[in-house]
Amino acid sequence: MVLYFTSNTVTPSAFIYVGKDKVENEELIKYGWEEDVWFHVDNLSSAHIYVRLPEGEDWENISEDLLNDCAQLTKANSIDGNKKDNITVIYTPWSNLKKDGSMVTGQVGFKDQRKVKRIHVVQRENPIVNRLNKTKVEKYPDLRQEREDRQKELRLRDRATTQARKKEEARVAKERKEKAWQRDHAYDDLLSEENIAQSSNQDRDEDFLDDFF
């Protein structure tokens, strides 16, 4: 089961989700999206909290209000962290999570420590936690299928973008070719045999100069 929350501190609203237990966390680690940012209490056991950012948004520029929501929800879902003040919550893009066979269920590492950020949480803020809990929805999603559907959507979008780009490139190339032809043949009519003949004196009547007198 996965728990879903909504943060209305940003527009559009942010989509936050958390695994019910460590087994569910394994599924979340495995089938996350590129837009997901992972949160966890530093050096303490806690749930794995994810926020799904709008596509194209930079994870390093998450708004302060949304960060605070995620940090408070992470703290509230840590047995030890929820009891303590002045804890640290770490966060990183889902793509930076690392999992290998030596790690126990629910445990993760990082591919690049430089991509791990920290936020200091002084204490639990009940108004924030209560507001988020009011939006909580429990679901049993097929995370694998959701990810496959997402990957299919991205492939179709990339294909459409590629086709549109090629079509535009072909249009521009055709336009350039037509302009080049027009430039190279701009004086063709002036040099046609008919025009040359009309401007030549050899085919005119021998008295044609009489017109000038």
N, C-alpha and C. Protein backbone atom coordinates (compact mmCIF):
# COMPACT_ATOMS: atom_id res chain seq x y z
N MET A 1 0.83 -1.19 0.00
CA MET A 1 0.00 0.00 0.00
C MET A 1 0.87 1.25 0.00
N VAL A 2 0.43 2.26 -0.73
CA VAL A 2 1.14 3.52 -0.79
C VAL A 2 0.21 4.62 -0.29
N LEU A 3 0.76 5.52 0.52
CA LEU A 3 -0.01 6.65 1.04
C LEU A 3 0.30 7.88 0.18
N TYR A 4 -0.74 8.56 -0.24
CA TYR A 4 -0.60 9.73 -1.09
C TYR A 4 -1.07 10.99 -0.36
N PHE A 5 -0.32 12.05 -0.52
CA PHE A 5 -0.64 13.33 0.10
C PHE A 5 -0.59 14.44 -0.96
N THR A 6 -1.25 15.53 -0.67
CA THR A 6 -1.25 16.68 -1.58
C THR A 6 -0.81 17.92 -0.84
N SER A 7 0.19 18.60 -1.38
CA SER A 7 0.62 19.89 -0.83
C SER A 7 0.09 21.00 -1.71
N ASN A 8 -0.70 21.88 -1.10
CA ASN A 8 -1.27 23.01 -1.84
C ASN A 8 -0.45 24.29 -1.67
N THR A 9 0.77 24.14 -1.22
CA THR A 9 1.63 25.32 -1.03
C THR A 9 2.18 25.84 -2.35
N VAL A 10 2.02 25.04 -3.42
CA VAL A 10 2.50 25.44 -4.73
C VAL A 10 1.38 25.25 -5.75
N THR A 11 1.53 25.88 -6.90
CA THR A 11 0.57 25.75 -7.98
C THR A 11 1.29 25.29 -9.25
N PRO A 12 0.91 24.14 -9.84
CA PRO A 12 -0.14 23.25 -9.38
C PRO A 12 0.26 22.53 -8.10
N SER A 13 -0.72 21.91 -7.43
CA SER A 13 -0.45 21.22 -6.17
C SER A 13 0.58 20.12 -6.37
N ALA A 14 1.39 19.90 -5.34
CA ALA A 14 2.45 18.88 -5.42
C ALA A 14 1.92 17.54 -4.94
N PHE A 15 2.43 16.51 -5.55
CA PHE A 15 2.03 15.13 -5.31
C PHE A 15 3.10 14.46 -4.45
N ILE A 16 2.75 14.08 -3.22
CA ILE A 16 3.70 13.47 -2.29
C ILE A 16 3.23 12.06 -1.97
N TYR A 17 4.15 11.13 -1.90
CA TYR A 17 3.74 9.76 -1.56
C TYR A 17 4.80 9.07 -0.70
N VAL A 18 4.36 8.04 0.00
CA VAL A 18 5.23 7.35 0.95
C VAL A 18 4.84 5.88 1.02
N GLY A 19 5.85 5.01 1.12
CA GLY A 19 5.58 3.59 1.26
C GLY A 19 5.09 3.25 2.67
N LYS A 20 4.19 2.30 2.77
CA LYS A 20 3.62 1.90 4.06
C LYS A 20 4.67 1.24 4.94
N ASP A 21 5.58 0.47 4.32
CA ASP A 21 6.59 -0.24 5.09
C ASP A 21 7.85 -0.40 4.22
N LYS A 22 8.86 -1.09 4.78
CA LYS A 22 10.14 -1.20 4.08
C LYS A 22 10.03 -2.04 2.80
N VAL A 23 9.09 -2.99 2.79
CA VAL A 23 8.91 -3.79 1.58
C VAL A 23 8.35 -2.90 0.45
N GLU A 24 7.38 -2.08 0.81
CA GLU A 24 6.82 -1.15 -0.17
C GLU A 24 7.87 -0.14 -0.61
N ASN A 25 8.76 0.22 0.30
CA ASN A 25 9.84 1.16 -0.05
C ASN A 25 10.71 0.60 -1.16
N GLU A 26 10.92 -0.71 -1.16
CA GLU A 26 11.72 -1.34 -2.21
C GLU A 26 11.09 -1.12 -3.58
N GLU A 27 9.76 -1.21 -3.61
CA GLU A 27 9.06 -0.99 -4.87
C GLU A 27 9.17 0.47 -5.32
N LEU A 28 9.10 1.37 -4.36
CA LEU A 28 9.21 2.79 -4.70
C LEU A 28 10.60 3.11 -5.22
N ILE A 29 11.61 2.51 -4.60
CA ILE A 29 12.99 2.73 -5.06
C ILE A 29 13.16 2.21 -6.48
N LYS A 30 12.55 1.07 -6.77
CA LYS A 30 12.73 0.40 -8.05
C LYS A 30 11.98 1.09 -9.18
N TYR A 31 10.79 1.60 -8.87
CA TYR A 31 9.93 2.10 -9.94
C TYR A 31 9.65 3.60 -9.84
N GLY A 32 10.61 4.36 -9.32
CA GLY A 32 10.43 5.80 -9.25
C GLY A 32 10.48 6.45 -10.63
N TRP A 33 10.14 7.73 -10.66
CA TRP A 33 10.17 8.51 -11.90
C TRP A 33 11.29 9.53 -11.83
N GLU A 34 11.70 10.02 -12.99
CA GLU A 34 12.77 11.02 -13.05
C GLU A 34 12.39 12.30 -12.32
N GLU A 35 11.10 12.58 -12.21
CA GLU A 35 10.64 13.81 -11.56
C GLU A 35 10.57 13.69 -10.04
N ASP A 36 10.84 12.50 -9.51
CA ASP A 36 10.69 12.26 -8.07
C ASP A 36 11.92 12.71 -7.28
N VAL A 37 11.66 13.28 -6.11
CA VAL A 37 12.73 13.64 -5.17
C VAL A 37 12.47 12.88 -3.87
N TRP A 38 13.49 12.23 -3.37
CA TRP A 38 13.41 11.33 -2.21
C TRP A 38 13.83 12.06 -0.94
N PHE A 39 13.07 11.83 0.15
CA PHE A 39 13.37 12.44 1.45
C PHE A 39 13.49 11.34 2.51
N HIS A 40 14.38 11.59 3.48
CA HIS A 40 14.59 10.63 4.57
C HIS A 40 15.24 11.36 5.74
N VAL A 41 14.92 10.93 6.96
CA VAL A 41 15.59 11.51 8.13
C VAL A 41 17.03 11.03 8.14
N ASP A 42 17.95 11.93 8.32
CA ASP A 42 19.37 11.58 8.30
C ASP A 42 19.75 10.80 9.56
N ASN A 43 20.42 9.65 9.35
CA ASN A 43 20.96 8.82 10.43
C ASN A 43 19.91 8.24 11.37
N LEU A 44 18.66 8.25 10.96
CA LEU A 44 17.60 7.63 11.75
C LEU A 44 16.67 6.86 10.80
N SER A 45 16.00 5.87 11.37
CA SER A 45 15.03 5.13 10.58
C SER A 45 13.82 6.02 10.29
N SER A 46 13.35 5.98 9.04
CA SER A 46 12.15 6.75 8.70
C SER A 46 11.55 6.20 7.42
N ALA A 47 10.35 6.64 7.16
CA ALA A 47 9.72 6.28 5.89
C ALA A 47 10.46 6.97 4.75
N HIS A 48 10.28 6.44 3.55
CA HIS A 48 10.83 7.06 2.36
C HIS A 48 9.73 7.95 1.78
N ILE A 49 9.97 9.25 1.80
CA ILE A 49 8.99 10.21 1.30
C ILE A 49 9.44 10.69 -0.08
N TYR A 50 8.52 10.76 -1.02
CA TYR A 50 8.82 11.25 -2.35
C TYR A 50 7.88 12.40 -2.70
N VAL A 51 8.41 13.39 -3.39
CA VAL A 51 7.57 14.41 -3.99
C VAL A 51 7.80 14.35 -5.49
N ARG A 52 6.71 14.36 -6.24
CA ARG A 52 6.82 14.31 -7.71
C ARG A 52 6.68 15.72 -8.25
N LEU A 53 7.76 16.24 -8.76
CA LEU A 53 7.78 17.61 -9.26
C LEU A 53 7.18 17.70 -10.66
N PRO A 54 6.68 18.86 -11.01
CA PRO A 54 6.24 19.06 -12.39
C PRO A 54 7.40 18.81 -13.33
N GLU A 55 7.12 18.24 -14.48
CA GLU A 55 8.18 17.90 -15.43
C GLU A 55 8.98 19.14 -15.80
N GLY A 56 10.30 19.01 -15.75
CA GLY A 56 11.17 20.11 -16.12
C GLY A 56 11.58 20.99 -14.96
N GLU A 57 10.95 20.83 -13.80
CA GLU A 57 11.30 21.67 -12.65
C GLU A 57 12.59 21.15 -12.01
N ASP A 58 13.45 22.06 -11.60
CA ASP A 58 14.75 21.73 -11.03
C ASP A 58 14.59 21.35 -9.56
N TRP A 59 15.07 20.16 -9.18
CA TRP A 59 14.91 19.70 -7.81
C TRP A 59 15.69 20.58 -6.83
N GLU A 60 16.71 21.28 -7.31
CA GLU A 60 17.50 22.13 -6.43
C GLU A 60 16.80 23.46 -6.14
N ASN A 61 15.71 23.71 -6.82
CA ASN A 61 14.99 24.97 -6.63
C ASN A 61 13.56 24.74 -6.13
N ILE A 62 13.37 23.68 -5.36
CA ILE A 62 12.05 23.44 -4.77
C ILE A 62 11.71 24.60 -3.84
N SER A 63 10.46 25.04 -3.89
CA SER A 63 10.06 26.17 -3.06
C SER A 63 10.23 25.84 -1.57
N GLU A 64 10.49 26.86 -0.79
CA GLU A 64 10.72 26.66 0.64
C GLU A 64 9.50 26.05 1.32
N ASP A 65 8.31 26.47 0.94
CA ASP A 65 7.09 25.94 1.56
C ASP A 65 6.91 24.46 1.26
N LEU A 66 7.17 24.07 0.02
CA LEU A 66 7.04 22.65 -0.33
C LEU A 66 8.12 21.82 0.35
N LEU A 67 9.33 22.35 0.43
CA LEU A 67 10.40 21.66 1.15
C LEU A 67 10.01 21.43 2.60
N ASN A 68 9.42 22.45 3.20
CA ASN A 68 9.02 22.35 4.60
C ASN A 68 7.94 21.29 4.78
N ASP A 69 6.98 21.24 3.84
CA ASP A 69 5.95 20.20 3.90
C ASP A 69 6.57 18.81 3.85
N CYS A 70 7.49 18.61 2.91
CA CYS A 70 8.12 17.29 2.75
C CYS A 70 8.95 16.94 3.99
N ALA A 71 9.66 17.92 4.52
CA ALA A 71 10.50 17.66 5.69
C ALA A 71 9.64 17.32 6.91
N GLN A 72 8.56 18.05 7.10
CA GLN A 72 7.67 17.78 8.23
C GLN A 72 7.00 16.40 8.10
N LEU A 73 6.60 16.04 6.89
CA LEU A 73 5.99 14.73 6.69
C LEU A 73 7.00 13.62 6.90
N THR A 74 8.24 13.87 6.51
CA THR A 74 9.30 12.88 6.73
C THR A 74 9.56 12.70 8.22
N LYS A 75 9.66 13.76 8.94
CA LYS A 75 9.86 13.70 10.39
C LYS A 75 8.71 12.98 11.07
N ALA A 76 7.48 13.29 10.66
CA ALA A 76 6.30 12.69 11.28
C ALA A 76 6.22 11.19 11.03
N ASN A 77 6.88 10.73 9.97
CA ASN A 77 6.86 9.30 9.63
C ASN A 77 8.15 8.60 10.01
N SER A 78 8.79 9.13 11.03
CA SER A 78 9.97 8.49 11.63
C SER A 78 9.70 8.30 13.12
N ILE A 79 9.75 7.06 13.58
CA ILE A 79 9.45 6.79 14.99
C ILE A 79 10.36 7.58 15.91
N ASP A 80 11.65 7.52 15.65
CA ASP A 80 12.61 8.24 16.49
C ASP A 80 12.66 9.72 16.14
N GLY A 81 12.65 10.01 14.85
CA GLY A 81 12.75 11.39 14.43
C GLY A 81 11.57 12.24 14.85
N ASN A 82 10.41 11.63 14.95
CA ASN A 82 9.21 12.37 15.33
C ASN A 82 9.26 12.83 16.79
N LYS A 83 10.06 12.15 17.60
CA LYS A 83 10.14 12.47 19.03
C LYS A 83 11.21 13.52 19.33
N LYS A 84 12.08 13.78 18.36
CA LYS A 84 13.23 14.63 18.62
C LYS A 84 13.10 16.00 17.94
N ASP A 85 13.74 16.96 18.54
CA ASP A 85 13.86 18.27 17.91
C ASP A 85 15.22 18.37 17.22
N ASN A 86 15.34 19.34 16.37
CA ASN A 86 16.60 19.61 15.68
C ASN A 86 17.17 18.38 14.97
N ILE A 87 16.36 17.85 14.08
CA ILE A 87 16.83 16.73 13.26
C ILE A 87 17.19 17.26 11.87
N THR A 88 17.83 16.40 11.08
CA THR A 88 18.18 16.75 9.71
C THR A 88 17.47 15.81 8.76
N VAL A 89 16.86 16.37 7.75
CA VAL A 89 16.23 15.57 6.69
C VAL A 89 17.07 15.75 5.44
N ILE A 90 17.39 14.64 4.79
CA ILE A 90 18.17 14.70 3.55
C ILE A 90 17.25 14.45 2.37
N TYR A 91 17.63 14.99 1.22
CA TYR A 91 16.83 14.74 0.01
C TYR A 91 17.72 14.77 -1.21
N THR A 92 17.29 14.01 -2.22
CA THR A 92 18.07 13.85 -3.44
C THR A 92 17.14 13.36 -4.55
N PRO A 93 17.49 13.57 -5.81
CA PRO A 93 16.66 13.03 -6.89
C PRO A 93 16.58 11.51 -6.83
N TRP A 94 15.43 10.98 -7.20
CA TRP A 94 15.28 9.51 -7.23
C TRP A 94 16.39 8.88 -8.07
N SER A 95 16.76 9.52 -9.17
CA SER A 95 17.78 8.97 -10.06
C SER A 95 19.15 8.85 -9.41
N ASN A 96 19.33 9.51 -8.27
CA ASN A 96 20.62 9.45 -7.58
C ASN A 96 20.66 8.32 -6.54
N LEU A 97 19.56 7.64 -6.35
CA LEU A 97 19.54 6.53 -5.39
C LEU A 97 20.28 5.33 -5.96
N LYS A 98 20.97 4.64 -5.09
CA LYS A 98 21.74 3.46 -5.51
C LYS A 98 21.34 2.27 -4.64
N LYS A 99 21.12 1.14 -5.28
CA LYS A 99 20.74 -0.08 -4.56
C LYS A 99 21.60 -1.23 -5.07
N ASP A 100 22.22 -1.98 -4.13
CA ASP A 100 22.97 -3.17 -4.54
C ASP A 100 22.61 -4.35 -3.63
N GLY A 101 23.12 -5.50 -3.98
CA GLY A 101 22.75 -6.73 -3.29
C GLY A 101 23.18 -6.81 -1.84
N SER A 102 24.12 -5.97 -1.43
CA SER A 102 24.60 -6.03 -0.05
C SER A 102 23.69 -5.27 0.91
N MET A 103 22.74 -4.51 0.38
CA MET A 103 21.88 -3.68 1.21
C MET A 103 20.63 -4.43 1.65
N VAL A 104 20.22 -4.18 2.89
CA VAL A 104 19.02 -4.83 3.42
C VAL A 104 17.79 -4.18 2.80
N THR A 105 16.64 -4.80 3.01
CA THR A 105 15.39 -4.30 2.47
C THR A 105 15.13 -2.87 2.93
N GLY A 106 14.87 -2.00 1.97
CA GLY A 106 14.57 -0.61 2.29
C GLY A 106 15.78 0.30 2.38
N GLN A 107 16.97 -0.28 2.36
CA GLN A 107 18.20 0.53 2.48
C GLN A 107 18.66 0.99 1.10
N VAL A 108 19.15 2.22 1.05
CA VAL A 108 19.66 2.76 -0.21
C VAL A 108 20.96 3.51 0.03
N GLY A 109 21.69 3.72 -1.05
CA GLY A 109 22.87 4.56 -1.02
C GLY A 109 22.71 5.62 -2.09
N PHE A 110 23.80 6.35 -2.37
CA PHE A 110 23.73 7.43 -3.35
C PHE A 110 24.84 7.27 -4.38
N LYS A 111 24.51 7.57 -5.61
CA LYS A 111 25.50 7.52 -6.67
C LYS A 111 26.47 8.69 -6.57
N ASP A 112 25.95 9.83 -6.16
CA ASP A 112 26.76 11.05 -6.07
C ASP A 112 26.38 11.81 -4.80
N GLN A 113 27.28 11.82 -3.83
CA GLN A 113 27.00 12.49 -2.56
C GLN A 113 26.80 14.00 -2.74
N ARG A 114 27.35 14.54 -3.80
CA ARG A 114 27.21 15.98 -4.03
C ARG A 114 25.78 16.37 -4.37
N LYS A 115 24.97 15.39 -4.75
CA LYS A 115 23.58 15.64 -5.09
C LYS A 115 22.64 15.39 -3.90
N VAL A 116 23.20 15.27 -2.73
CA VAL A 116 22.39 15.07 -1.52
C VAL A 116 22.34 16.38 -0.75
N LYS A 117 21.14 16.92 -0.55
CA LYS A 117 20.98 18.16 0.19
C LYS A 117 20.35 17.88 1.56
N ARG A 118 20.50 18.85 2.45
CA ARG A 118 20.01 18.70 3.82
C ARG A 118 19.15 19.88 4.22
N ILE A 119 18.15 19.60 5.05
CA ILE A 119 17.31 20.65 5.59
C ILE A 119 17.15 20.42 7.09
N HIS A 120 17.37 21.46 7.85
CA HIS A 120 17.29 21.36 9.31
C HIS A 120 15.84 21.55 9.75
N VAL A 121 15.35 20.62 10.57
CA VAL A 121 13.98 20.70 11.09
C VAL A 121 14.06 20.91 12.59
N VAL A 122 13.66 22.07 13.04
CA VAL A 122 13.77 22.41 14.46
C VAL A 122 12.83 21.56 15.30
N GLN A 123 11.58 21.49 14.89
CA GLN A 123 10.60 20.72 15.65
C GLN A 123 9.41 20.37 14.77
N ARG A 124 8.57 19.49 15.26
CA ARG A 124 7.37 19.13 14.52
C ARG A 124 6.40 20.31 14.51
N GLU A 125 5.85 20.58 13.34
CA GLU A 125 4.86 21.63 13.19
C GLU A 125 3.51 20.98 12.90
N ASN A 126 2.71 20.83 13.94
CA ASN A 126 1.44 20.11 13.81
C ASN A 126 0.49 20.68 12.77
N PRO A 127 0.38 22.00 12.62
CA PRO A 127 -0.53 22.52 11.58
C PRO A 127 -0.20 22.00 10.19
N ILE A 128 1.09 21.89 9.90
CA ILE A 128 1.51 21.38 8.59
C ILE A 128 1.19 19.91 8.46
N VAL A 129 1.57 19.13 9.47
CA VAL A 129 1.33 17.68 9.44
C VAL A 129 -0.16 17.38 9.37
N ASN A 130 -0.95 18.09 10.16
CA ASN A 130 -2.40 17.87 10.16
C ASN A 130 -3.02 18.22 8.80
N ARG A 131 -2.55 19.32 8.22
CA ARG A 131 -3.07 19.72 6.90
C ARG A 131 -2.78 18.65 5.86
N LEU A 132 -1.58 18.13 5.88
CA LEU A 132 -1.22 17.08 4.91
C LEU A 132 -1.98 15.79 5.17
N ASN A 133 -2.14 15.44 6.44
CA ASN A 133 -2.85 14.20 6.78
C ASN A 133 -4.31 14.23 6.32
N LYS A 134 -4.88 15.42 6.24
CA LYS A 134 -6.27 15.52 5.78
C LYS A 134 -6.41 15.17 4.30
N THR A 135 -5.28 15.22 3.58
CA THR A 135 -5.32 14.90 2.14
C THR A 135 -4.91 13.45 1.88
N LYS A 136 -4.60 12.70 2.92
CA LYS A 136 -4.05 11.34 2.77
C LYS A 136 -5.05 10.39 2.10
N VAL A 137 -4.54 9.66 1.13
CA VAL A 137 -5.33 8.64 0.44
C VAL A 137 -4.50 7.37 0.37
N GLU A 138 -5.12 6.23 0.68
CA GLU A 138 -4.43 4.94 0.61
C GLU A 138 -4.78 4.24 -0.70
N LYS A 139 -3.75 3.78 -1.40
CA LYS A 139 -3.97 3.07 -2.67
C LYS A 139 -3.06 1.86 -2.77
N TYR A 140 -3.41 0.97 -3.68
CA TYR A 140 -2.60 -0.21 -3.96
C TYR A 140 -2.22 -0.20 -5.44
N PRO A 141 -1.33 0.70 -5.82
CA PRO A 141 -1.01 0.86 -7.25
C PRO A 141 -0.09 -0.23 -7.77
N ASP A 142 -0.17 -0.44 -9.06
CA ASP A 142 0.80 -1.30 -9.75
C ASP A 142 1.93 -0.39 -10.19
N LEU A 143 2.94 -0.24 -9.34
CA LEU A 143 4.01 0.72 -9.60
C LEU A 143 4.79 0.38 -10.87
N ARG A 144 4.95 -0.90 -11.10
CA ARG A 144 5.67 -1.32 -12.31
C ARG A 144 4.92 -0.90 -13.56
N GLN A 145 3.60 -1.13 -13.56
CA GLN A 145 2.81 -0.77 -14.73
C GLN A 145 2.76 0.74 -14.91
N GLU A 146 2.67 1.47 -13.81
CA GLU A 146 2.67 2.93 -13.90
C GLU A 146 3.96 3.44 -14.55
N ARG A 147 5.07 2.83 -14.15
CA ARG A 147 6.35 3.26 -14.73
C ARG A 147 6.44 2.88 -16.20
N GLU A 148 5.97 1.70 -16.55
CA GLU A 148 6.00 1.29 -17.95
C GLU A 148 5.13 2.21 -18.80
N ASP A 149 3.96 2.57 -18.28
CA ASP A 149 3.07 3.49 -18.99
C ASP A 149 3.75 4.85 -19.17
N ARG A 150 4.45 5.27 -18.13
CA ARG A 150 5.14 6.55 -18.20
C ARG A 150 6.26 6.52 -19.24
N GLN A 151 7.02 5.43 -19.25
CA GLN A 151 8.10 5.31 -20.23
C GLN A 151 7.56 5.26 -21.66
N LYS A 152 6.42 4.60 -21.83
CA LYS A 152 5.79 4.54 -23.15
C LYS A 152 5.36 5.94 -23.58
N GLU A 153 4.77 6.69 -22.65
CA GLU A 153 4.35 8.06 -22.94
C GLU A 153 5.53 8.92 -23.37
N LEU A 154 6.64 8.79 -22.66
CA LEU A 154 7.83 9.58 -22.99
C LEU A 154 8.39 9.20 -24.35
N ARG A 155 8.38 7.89 -24.65
CA ARG A 155 8.89 7.44 -25.96
C ARG A 155 8.03 7.99 -27.09
N LEU A 156 6.71 7.94 -26.91
CA LEU A 156 5.81 8.47 -27.93
C LEU A 156 6.00 9.97 -28.12
N ARG A 157 6.20 10.66 -27.00
CA ARG A 157 6.41 12.11 -27.06
C ARG A 157 7.73 12.43 -27.77
N ASP A 158 8.77 11.67 -27.44
CA ASP A 158 10.06 11.89 -28.09
C ASP A 158 9.98 11.62 -29.59
N ARG A 159 9.22 10.57 -29.94
CA ARG A 159 9.07 10.23 -31.35
C ARG A 159 8.34 11.34 -32.09
N ALA A 160 7.28 11.85 -31.47
CA ALA A 160 6.52 12.93 -32.09
C ALA A 160 7.38 14.18 -32.24
N THR A 161 8.20 14.46 -31.22
CA THR A 161 9.08 15.63 -31.28
C THR A 161 10.11 15.47 -32.39
N THR A 162 10.67 14.25 -32.51
CA THR A 162 11.66 13.98 -33.55
C THR A 162 11.06 14.12 -34.93
N GLN A 163 9.84 13.59 -35.11
CA GLN A 163 9.18 13.68 -36.40
C GLN A 163 8.87 15.13 -36.77
N ALA A 164 8.43 15.90 -35.78
CA ALA A 164 8.12 17.31 -36.02
C ALA A 164 9.38 18.07 -36.39
N ARG A 165 10.50 17.75 -35.73
CA ARG A 165 11.76 18.42 -36.03
C ARG A 165 12.23 18.08 -37.45
N LYS A 166 12.13 16.81 -37.82
CA LYS A 166 12.55 16.39 -39.16
C LYS A 166 11.67 17.04 -40.23
N LYS A 167 10.38 17.15 -39.94
CA LYS A 167 9.46 17.78 -40.89
C LYS A 167 9.82 19.25 -41.08
N GLU A 168 10.13 19.92 -39.98
CA GLU A 168 10.51 21.33 -40.07
C GLU A 168 11.84 21.50 -40.79
N GLU A 169 12.79 20.59 -40.52
CA GLU A 169 14.08 20.66 -41.21
C GLU A 169 13.91 20.45 -42.70
N ALA A 170 13.01 19.53 -43.08
CA ALA A 170 12.75 19.29 -44.49
C ALA A 170 12.10 20.51 -45.14
N ARG A 171 11.19 21.17 -44.42
CA ARG A 171 10.53 22.36 -44.94
C ARG A 171 11.55 23.48 -45.17
N VAL A 172 12.44 23.69 -44.20
CA VAL A 172 13.45 24.73 -44.31
C VAL A 172 14.41 24.43 -45.46
N ALA A 173 14.79 23.15 -45.60
CA ALA A 173 15.71 22.76 -46.67
C ALA A 173 15.06 23.00 -48.04
N LYS A 174 13.78 22.66 -48.15
CA LYS A 174 13.07 22.86 -49.42
C LYS A 174 12.97 24.35 -49.74
N GLU A 175 12.68 25.14 -48.72
CA GLU A 175 12.56 26.59 -48.92
C GLU A 175 13.89 27.19 -49.37
N ARG A 176 14.98 26.75 -48.76
CA ARG A 176 16.30 27.24 -49.14
C ARG A 176 16.64 26.83 -50.57
N LYS A 177 16.28 25.60 -50.92
CA LYS A 177 16.57 25.11 -52.27
C LYS A 177 15.80 25.92 -53.31
N GLU A 178 14.53 26.22 -53.00
CA GLU A 178 13.72 27.00 -53.94
C GLU A 178 14.26 28.41 -54.10
N LYS A 179 14.70 29.02 -53.00
CA LYS A 179 15.26 30.36 -53.07
C LYS A 179 16.57 30.36 -53.85
N ALA A 180 17.36 29.33 -53.66
CA ALA A 180 18.63 29.23 -54.39
C ALA A 180 18.37 29.09 -55.89
N TRP A 181 17.36 28.28 -56.25
CA TRP A 181 17.03 28.10 -57.66
C TRP A 181 16.55 29.41 -58.27
N GLN A 182 15.69 30.13 -57.51
CA GLN A 182 15.19 31.41 -58.00
C GLN A 182 16.32 32.41 -58.20
N ARG A 183 17.29 32.39 -57.27
CA ARG A 183 18.43 33.30 -57.37
C ARG A 183 19.30 32.97 -58.58
N ASP A 184 19.52 31.69 -58.80
CA ASP A 184 20.38 31.26 -59.90
C ASP A 184 19.72 31.44 -61.27
N HIS A 185 18.38 31.50 -61.29
CA HIS A 185 17.68 31.58 -62.57
C HIS A 185 16.90 32.90 -62.71
N ALA A 186 17.31 33.90 -61.97
CA ALA A 186 16.58 35.16 -61.96
C ALA A 186 16.57 35.84 -63.33
N TYR A 187 17.63 35.63 -64.16
CA TYR A 187 17.74 36.32 -65.45
C TYR A 187 17.48 35.39 -66.64
N ASP A 188 16.93 34.24 -66.34
CA ASP A 188 16.68 33.28 -67.43
C ASP A 188 15.77 33.86 -68.50
N ASP A 189 14.70 34.56 -68.11
CA ASP A 189 13.75 35.10 -69.07
C ASP A 189 14.41 36.17 -69.97
N LEU A 190 15.29 36.95 -69.36
CA LEU A 190 15.96 37.99 -70.13
C LEU A 190 16.88 37.42 -71.18
N LEU A 191 17.37 36.25 -70.94
CA LEU A 191 18.33 35.65 -71.86
C LEU A 191 17.70 34.60 -72.75
N SER A 192 16.39 34.52 -72.74
CA SER A 192 15.72 33.52 -73.57
C SER A 192 15.94 33.83 -75.05
N GLU A 193 15.87 32.83 -75.92
CA GLU A 193 16.08 33.01 -77.36
C GLU A 193 15.12 34.02 -77.95
N GLU A 194 13.88 34.00 -77.43
CA GLU A 194 12.88 34.93 -77.97
C GLU A 194 13.26 36.35 -77.69
N ASN A 195 13.68 36.63 -76.40
CA ASN A 195 14.06 37.99 -76.04
C ASN A 195 15.31 38.43 -76.78
N ILE A 196 16.23 37.50 -76.97
CA ILE A 196 17.46 37.82 -77.70
C ILE A 196 17.12 38.16 -79.14
N ALA A 197 16.17 37.40 -79.69
CA ALA A 197 15.78 37.64 -81.08
C ALA A 197 15.12 39.00 -81.24
N GLN A 198 14.26 39.35 -80.25
CA GLN A 198 13.56 40.62 -80.32
C GLN A 198 14.51 41.81 -80.19
N SER A 199 15.61 41.61 -79.49
CA SER A 199 16.56 42.71 -79.30
C SER A 199 17.65 42.74 -80.36
N SER A 200 17.61 41.76 -81.29
CA SER A 200 18.65 41.67 -82.31
C SER A 200 18.23 42.46 -83.56
N ASN A 201 19.19 43.03 -84.25
CA ASN A 201 18.90 43.80 -85.46
C ASN A 201 18.88 42.94 -86.71
N GLN A 202 19.43 41.74 -86.67
CA GLN A 202 19.64 40.98 -87.88
C GLN A 202 18.35 40.51 -88.53
N ASP A 203 17.30 40.39 -87.76
CA ASP A 203 16.04 39.91 -88.34
C ASP A 203 15.08 41.04 -88.64
N ARG A 204 15.51 42.30 -88.51
CA ARG A 204 14.62 43.42 -88.74
C ARG A 204 14.66 43.86 -90.21
N ASP A 205 13.62 44.57 -90.64
CA ASP A 205 13.54 45.10 -92.00
C ASP A 205 14.65 46.14 -92.21
N GLU A 206 15.18 46.22 -93.43
CA GLU A 206 16.30 47.11 -93.66
C GLU A 206 15.92 48.57 -93.51
N ASP A 207 14.61 48.86 -93.52
CA ASP A 207 14.17 50.23 -93.36
C ASP A 207 13.74 50.54 -91.94
N PHE A 208 14.12 49.70 -90.97
CA PHE A 208 13.61 49.92 -89.59
C PHE A 208 14.11 51.23 -89.02
N LEU A 209 15.25 51.77 -89.55
CA LEU A 209 15.74 53.02 -89.01
C LEU A 209 14.88 54.20 -89.41
N ASP A 210 14.01 54.00 -90.45
CA ASP A 210 13.13 55.10 -90.87
C ASP A 210 12.21 55.55 -89.75
N ASP A 211 11.99 54.63 -88.80
CA ASP A 211 11.09 55.00 -87.68
C ASP A 211 11.68 56.08 -86.84
N PHE A 212 12.98 56.31 -86.92
CA PHE A 212 13.62 57.30 -86.08
C PHE A 212 13.67 58.67 -86.75
N PHE A 213 13.19 58.78 -88.03
CA PHE A 213 13.25 60.05 -88.77
C PHE A 213 11.84 60.53 -89.08
